[in-house]
Amino acid sequence: VQLQASGGGLVQAGGSLRLSCAASGSISSPNVMAWYRQAPGNQRELAASITSGGITNYADSVKGRFTISRDNAKNTVYLRMNSLKPEDTAVYYCALHRIDKDFWGKGTQVTVSS
């Protein structure tokens, strides 16, 4: 399985970005697709996740501002990020959690300027 993320960039505080992550390869259900983030000097943390059945989960820090969605036909997961804050600055990684194995994409940088 390969994961290709895109959509990061530089945005002013209060702005929006949408991240996309396309998965290819042997993707079986059930599975969970997720976005994690890692800021400099911090551990990687879960931002949001969504099951193949559409159940979502969010970190408290992003609830109400971020929305995760997926298109199972395209094997793609999205993260819509609104009302961005400087503390959202991080490298964002997408992941696919299968029952037997976890897969990670290369990160995409999101920088929010104040």
C-alpha atoms as a PDB file:
ATOM      1  CA  VAL A   1       0.000   0.000   0.000  1.00  0.00           C
ATOM      2  CA  GLN A   2       1.243   3.459  -0.894  1.00  0.00           C
ATOM      3  CA  LEU A   3      -0.150   6.723   0.423  1.00  0.00           C
ATOM      4  CA  GLN A   4       0.331   9.993  -1.418  1.00  0.00           C
ATOM      5  CA  ALA A   5      -0.548  13.156   0.478  1.00  0.00           C
ATOM      6  CA  SER A   6      -0.964  16.618  -0.963  1.00  0.00           C
ATOM      7  CA  GLY A   7      -2.425  20.005  -0.130  1.00  0.00           C
ATOM      8  CA  GLY A   8      -0.122  21.427   2.510  1.00  0.00           C
ATOM      9  CA  GLY A   9       1.214  24.952   2.368  1.00  0.00           C
ATOM     10  CA  LEU A  10       1.467  28.325   4.020  1.00  0.00           C
ATOM     11  CA  VAL A  11      -1.689  30.074   5.171  1.00  0.00           C
ATOM     12  CA  GLN A  12      -2.523  32.986   7.436  1.00  0.00           C
ATOM     13  CA  ALA A  13      -4.250  32.446  10.751  1.00  0.00           C
ATOM     14  CA  GLY A  14      -7.969  32.103  10.231  1.00  0.00           C
ATOM     15  CA  GLY A  15      -7.502  30.627   6.790  1.00  0.00           C
ATOM     16  CA  SER A  16      -8.330  27.203   5.392  1.00  0.00           C
ATOM     17  CA  LEU A  17      -6.561  24.317   3.697  1.00  0.00           C
ATOM     18  CA  ARG A  18      -7.628  20.928   2.430  1.00  0.00           C
ATOM     19  CA  LEU A  19      -5.318  17.959   2.581  1.00  0.00           C
ATOM     20  CA  SER A  20      -5.807  14.911   0.377  1.00  0.00           C
ATOM     21  CA  CYS A  21      -4.312  11.449   0.655  1.00  0.00           C
ATOM     22  CA  ALA A  22      -4.744   8.832  -2.049  1.00  0.00           C
ATOM     23  CA  ALA A  23      -4.108   5.196  -1.202  1.00  0.00           C
ATOM     24  CA  SER A  24      -3.113   2.578  -3.753  1.00  0.00           C
ATOM     25  CA  GLY A  25      -2.458  -1.118  -3.461  1.00  0.00           C
ATOM     26  CA  SER A  26      -4.080  -3.843  -1.382  1.00  0.00           C
ATOM     27  CA  ILE A  27      -6.600  -1.898   0.630  1.00  0.00           C
ATOM     28  CA  SER A  28      -8.980  -4.146   2.448  1.00  0.00           C
ATOM     29  CA  SER A  29     -11.911  -3.379   4.688  1.00  0.00           C
ATOM     30  CA  PRO A  30     -12.467  -2.791   7.459  1.00  0.00           C
ATOM     31  CA  ASN A  31      -9.821  -0.147   7.889  1.00  0.00           C
ATOM     32  CA  VAL A  32      -9.230   3.248   9.380  1.00  0.00           C
ATOM     33  CA  MET A  33      -7.717   6.184   7.545  1.00  0.00           C
ATOM     34  CA  ALA A  34      -6.300   8.972   9.630  1.00  0.00           C
ATOM     35  CA  TRP A  35      -4.352  12.187   9.716  1.00  0.00           C
ATOM     36  CA  TYR A  36      -1.623  12.652  12.286  1.00  0.00           C
ATOM     37  CA  ARG A  37       0.521  15.693  12.851  1.00  0.00           C
ATOM     38  CA  GLN A  38       3.900  16.398  14.366  1.00  0.00           C
ATOM     39  CA  ALA A  39       5.100  19.836  15.353  1.00  0.00           C
ATOM     40  CA  PRO A  40       8.813  20.514  15.945  1.00  0.00           C
ATOM     41  CA  GLY A  41       9.888  19.111  19.300  1.00  0.00           C
ATOM     42  CA  ASN A  42       6.571  17.335  19.819  1.00  0.00           C
ATOM     43  CA  GLN A  43       5.422  13.766  19.454  1.00  0.00           C
ATOM     44  CA  ARG A  44       3.247  12.733  16.572  1.00  0.00           C
ATOM     45  CA  GLU A  45      -0.410  13.020  17.524  1.00  0.00           C
ATOM     46  CA  LEU A  46      -3.690  11.968  15.996  1.00  0.00           C
ATOM     47  CA  ALA A  47      -5.638  14.837  14.468  1.00  0.00           C
ATOM     48  CA  ALA A  48      -8.579  12.931  13.009  1.00  0.00           C
ATOM     49  CA  SER A  49      -9.582   9.478  11.837  1.00  0.00           C
ATOM     50  CA  ILE A  50     -12.384   7.869   9.879  1.00  0.00           C
ATOM     51  CA  THR A  51     -13.358   4.243   9.572  1.00  0.00           C
ATOM     52  CA  SER A  52     -14.289   2.555   6.315  1.00  0.00           C
ATOM     53  CA  GLY A  53     -17.856   2.786   7.612  1.00  0.00           C
ATOM     54  CA  GLY A  54     -17.622   6.540   8.085  1.00  0.00           C
ATOM     55  CA  ILE A  55     -17.252   6.848  11.846  1.00  0.00           C
ATOM     56  CA  THR A  56     -15.070   9.838  12.684  1.00  0.00           C
ATOM     57  CA  ASN A  57     -12.907  10.782  15.627  1.00  0.00           C
ATOM     58  CA  TYR A  58     -11.160  14.093  16.327  1.00  0.00           C
ATOM     59  CA  ALA A  59      -8.565  15.406  18.702  1.00  0.00           C
ATOM     60  CA  ASP A  60     -10.087  17.938  21.084  1.00  0.00           C
ATOM     61  CA  SER A  61      -7.770  20.617  19.706  1.00  0.00           C
ATOM     62  CA  VAL A  62      -9.295  20.401  16.222  1.00  0.00           C
ATOM     63  CA  LYS A  63     -12.940  19.631  16.961  1.00  0.00           C
ATOM     64  CA  GLY A  64     -15.267  22.070  15.256  1.00  0.00           C
ATOM     65  CA  ARG A  65     -12.529  23.309  12.914  1.00  0.00           C
ATOM     66  CA  PHE A  66     -11.333  20.225  11.026  1.00  0.00           C
ATOM     67  CA  THR A  67     -13.461  17.787   9.049  1.00  0.00           C
ATOM     68  CA  ILE A  68     -12.238  14.408   7.872  1.00  0.00           C
ATOM     69  CA  SER A  69     -13.963  12.600   5.032  1.00  0.00           C
ATOM     70  CA  ARG A  70     -13.226   9.800   2.635  1.00  0.00           C
ATOM     71  CA  ASP A  71     -14.188   8.609  -0.815  1.00  0.00           C
ATOM     72  CA  ASN A  72     -13.989   4.831  -0.705  1.00  0.00           C
ATOM     73  CA  ALA A  73     -14.385   4.547  -4.471  1.00  0.00           C
ATOM     74  CA  LYS A  74     -11.225   6.636  -4.889  1.00  0.00           C
ATOM     75  CA  ASN A  75      -9.463   5.276  -1.781  1.00  0.00           C
ATOM     76  CA  THR A  76      -8.872   8.860  -0.770  1.00  0.00           C
ATOM     77  CA  VAL A  77      -9.142  10.614   2.562  1.00  0.00           C
ATOM     78  CA  TYR A  78      -9.480  14.362   2.984  1.00  0.00           C
ATOM     79  CA  LEU A  79      -8.908  16.757   5.846  1.00  0.00           C
ATOM     80  CA  ARG A  80     -10.628  20.104   5.582  1.00  0.00           C
ATOM     81  CA  MET A  81      -8.997  22.528   8.013  1.00  0.00           C
ATOM     82  CA  ASN A  82     -10.797  25.784   8.807  1.00  0.00           C
ATOM     83  CA  SER A  83     -10.027  28.596  11.240  1.00  0.00           C
ATOM     84  CA  LEU A  84      -6.392  27.589  11.252  1.00  0.00           C
ATOM     85  CA  LYS A  85      -4.211  28.706  14.149  1.00  0.00           C
ATOM     86  CA  PRO A  86      -0.426  29.070  14.392  1.00  0.00           C
ATOM     87  CA  GLU A  87      -0.419  26.081  16.743  1.00  0.00           C
ATOM     88  CA  ASP A  88      -1.733  23.938  13.888  1.00  0.00           C
ATOM     89  CA  THR A  89       1.660  24.319  12.236  1.00  0.00           C
ATOM     90  CA  ALA A  90       3.091  20.834  11.793  1.00  0.00           C
ATOM     91  CA  VAL A  91       3.962  18.130   9.346  1.00  0.00           C
ATOM     92  CA  TYR A  92       0.763  16.234   8.616  1.00  0.00           C
ATOM     93  CA  TYR A  93       0.912  12.517   7.862  1.00  0.00           C
ATOM     94  CA  CYS A  94      -1.828  10.308   6.512  1.00  0.00           C
ATOM     95  CA  ALA A  95      -2.087   6.717   7.620  1.00  0.00           C
ATOM     96  CA  LEU A  96      -4.027   3.608   6.745  1.00  0.00           C
ATOM     97  CA  HIS A  97      -4.628   1.180   9.570  1.00  0.00           C
ATOM     98  CA  ARG A  98      -5.502  -2.298   8.374  1.00  0.00           C
ATOM     99  CA  ILE A  99      -6.267  -5.167  10.710  1.00  0.00           C
ATOM    100  CA  ASP A 100      -2.859  -6.704   9.988  1.00  0.00           C
ATOM    101  CA  LYS A 101      -0.645  -3.708   9.302  1.00  0.00           C
ATOM    102  CA  ASP A 102      -0.242   0.058   9.398  1.00  0.00           C
ATOM    103  CA  PHE A 103       0.873   2.174   6.460  1.00  0.00           C
ATOM    104  CA  TRP A 104       2.171   5.726   6.483  1.00  0.00           C
ATOM    105  CA  GLY A 105       2.528   8.371   3.848  1.00  0.00           C
ATOM    106  CA  LYS A 106       5.215  10.995   3.605  1.00  0.00           C
ATOM    107  CA  GLY A 107       4.279  14.119   5.466  1.00  0.00           C
ATOM    108  CA  THR A 108       3.056  17.383   4.061  1.00  0.00           C
ATOM    109  CA  GLN A 109       3.991  20.649   5.754  1.00  0.00           C
ATOM    110  CA  VAL A 110       1.282  22.976   6.994  1.00  0.00           C
ATOM    111  CA  THR A 111       2.453  26.362   8.221  1.00  0.00           C
ATOM    112  CA  VAL A 112       0.062  28.879   9.736  1.00  0.00           C
ATOM    113  CA  SER A 113       1.387  32.407  10.119  1.00  0.00           C
ATOM    114  CA  SER A 114       0.079  34.783  12.765  1.00  0.00           C
END
